[in-house]
Amino acid sequence: MLVAVSAATLGGAYLLTRTDSARATGAVLSPPDAQRLMHAGELVLVDIRRPDEWATTGVPKGALTLDMRRPDFAAAMMQVARDNPSVPIAVICAGGVRSRWVTSALSKAGLTNVVDIPEGMLGSAAGPGWLARGLPVDAVAE
């Protein structure tokens, strides 16, 4: 049960921020909203897929890349949060499964300003995804 939840408007997208250690609220963004907010400096986007996936599809233009299999992944994400204390961190994967799991785990670990992009790069039941929407990508060598 949430003790207190505050809602903040961020460029028209509503993000929920937990103020206790309860379960994550499930804040999500569409790829176009994430791209727009990242471009405006109001969001940090982290692509948590594998390097071979980055090489195949590219990564969202301007996103950080952190392979979620890294042994120091949680510490690296906490550092991203420390480096960007005033903006939310959005997490994207291929189809929303890993990003949902990671946002939940990070929220449980105390990182309260984490947002999921459930469409992912390739699309899911949540929507067509970053690539099908024609959003910009940067090429990454494997």
Foldseek 3Di string as FASTA:
>chain_A
DAPDWDWDQDPNAIDIFGPDLDFAPAAADALVVQLVCVVVVQEAEEEQDDLVVCQVQFAFVRHHYHPCPDPCRLVVVVVVCVVPVRHAYEYAYAAQPVSSVVQRVSSNVPRGRYYYHRLHQCGDPVDRHDVVVPGDGDHDDD
